[in-house]
Protein backbone atom coordinates (compact mmCIF):
# COMPACT_ATOMS: atom_id res chain seq x y z
CA MET A 1 -11.09 -11.80 -232.54
CA ALA A 2 -9.48 -15.17 -231.61
CA LYS A 3 -10.75 -18.14 -232.79
CA ILE A 4 -13.00 -20.45 -230.71
CA ASN A 5 -11.33 -24.16 -230.85
CA ALA A 6 -14.71 -26.44 -231.11
CA LEU A 7 -12.78 -29.64 -230.21
CA ALA A 8 -10.59 -27.82 -227.63
CA ALA A 9 -13.87 -26.75 -225.83
CA SER A 10 -15.83 -29.91 -226.00
CA TYR A 11 -13.26 -32.04 -224.54
CA THR A 12 -13.22 -29.73 -221.64
CA ALA A 13 -16.90 -29.84 -221.04
CA ALA A 14 -16.95 -33.13 -221.20
CA ILE A 15 -13.86 -33.76 -218.84
CA ILE A 16 -15.67 -31.58 -216.32
CA SER A 17 -18.97 -33.24 -216.57
CA GLY A 18 -16.98 -36.30 -215.99
CA ALA A 19 -15.50 -35.42 -212.85
CA LEU A 20 -18.58 -33.87 -211.41
CA MET A 21 -20.45 -36.68 -212.35
CA LEU A 22 -17.74 -38.56 -210.31
CA LEU A 23 -18.10 -36.39 -207.59
CA LEU A 24 -21.40 -37.08 -207.25
CA GLY A 25 -21.22 -40.36 -206.93
CA ILE A 26 -19.11 -40.53 -204.58
CA PHE A 27 -21.08 -37.66 -202.70
CA GLY A 28 -23.96 -40.06 -202.97
CA ASN A 29 -22.23 -43.04 -201.56
CA LEU A 30 -21.26 -41.18 -198.31
CA GLY A 31 -25.11 -39.57 -198.06
CA TRP A 32 -24.45 -36.16 -199.17
CA TYR A 33 -26.14 -34.36 -201.72
CA MET A 34 -28.84 -36.56 -202.23
CA GLY A 35 -31.03 -34.28 -203.81
CA ALA A 36 -28.66 -33.48 -206.53
CA VAL A 37 -28.10 -37.20 -206.81
CA ASN A 38 -31.68 -37.81 -207.04
CA ALA A 39 -32.07 -35.53 -209.74
CA MET A 40 -29.16 -37.33 -211.66
CA MET A 41 -30.53 -40.39 -211.84
CA GLN A 42 -33.52 -39.27 -212.74
CA TRP A 43 -31.66 -36.97 -215.74
CA HIS A 44 -29.52 -39.60 -216.52
CA ALA A 45 -30.38 -43.08 -218.12
CA PHE A 46 -27.26 -45.04 -216.79
CA PHE A 47 -26.18 -42.97 -213.54
CA SER A 48 -26.60 -44.95 -210.10
CA LEU A 49 -24.60 -45.06 -207.09
CA SER A 50 -23.10 -48.39 -207.80
CA VAL A 51 -19.46 -48.39 -209.39
CA LEU A 52 -21.00 -49.42 -212.54
CA GLY A 53 -23.46 -47.07 -212.60
CA ILE A 54 -21.13 -44.27 -211.86
CA ILE A 55 -18.79 -44.98 -214.57
CA THR A 56 -21.42 -45.24 -216.98
CA GLY A 57 -22.91 -41.84 -215.94
CA ILE A 58 -19.74 -40.23 -216.28
CA LEU A 59 -19.63 -41.50 -219.81
CA GLU A 60 -22.99 -40.42 -220.51
CA ALA A 61 -22.59 -36.98 -219.31
CA ALA A 62 -19.29 -36.95 -221.12
CA VAL A 63 -21.18 -37.57 -224.58
CA ILE A 64 -23.74 -35.15 -223.97
CA SER A 65 -21.68 -32.53 -222.57
CA PHE A 66 -19.03 -32.79 -225.76
CA VAL A 67 -21.97 -33.03 -228.44
CA ILE A 68 -23.59 -30.43 -226.90
CA VAL A 69 -20.62 -27.81 -226.56
CA TYR A 70 -19.45 -28.86 -230.19
CA ALA A 71 -22.73 -28.04 -232.00
CA PHE A 72 -22.85 -24.75 -229.64
CA VAL A 73 -19.08 -23.59 -231.05
CA TRP A 74 -19.72 -24.82 -234.44
CA VAL A 75 -23.10 -22.59 -234.46
CA TYR A 76 -21.29 -19.53 -232.51
CA THR A 77 -18.32 -19.97 -235.19
CA LYS A 78 -20.89 -20.12 -238.42
CA LEU A 79 -22.93 -17.14 -237.22
CA ASP A 80 -20.19 -14.97 -236.15
CA LYS A 81 -18.53 -15.01 -239.66
């Protein structure tokens, strides 16, 4: 079985999470998907529809995703042995 690269998986999750947060910020400013935008504003401490809020939301989502996926892959590879 191929070994999972924890760093590659974590970077991928961080990039995708950041990109999705950017899209959500753009859509929110257009008035689309306001239910999802409001949920993100509740779940993420730094996300808002301002430019600074979107940037900090991107960073927050990327860091959280990186840490969670890295921990998941690390535990998975330990249990797979």
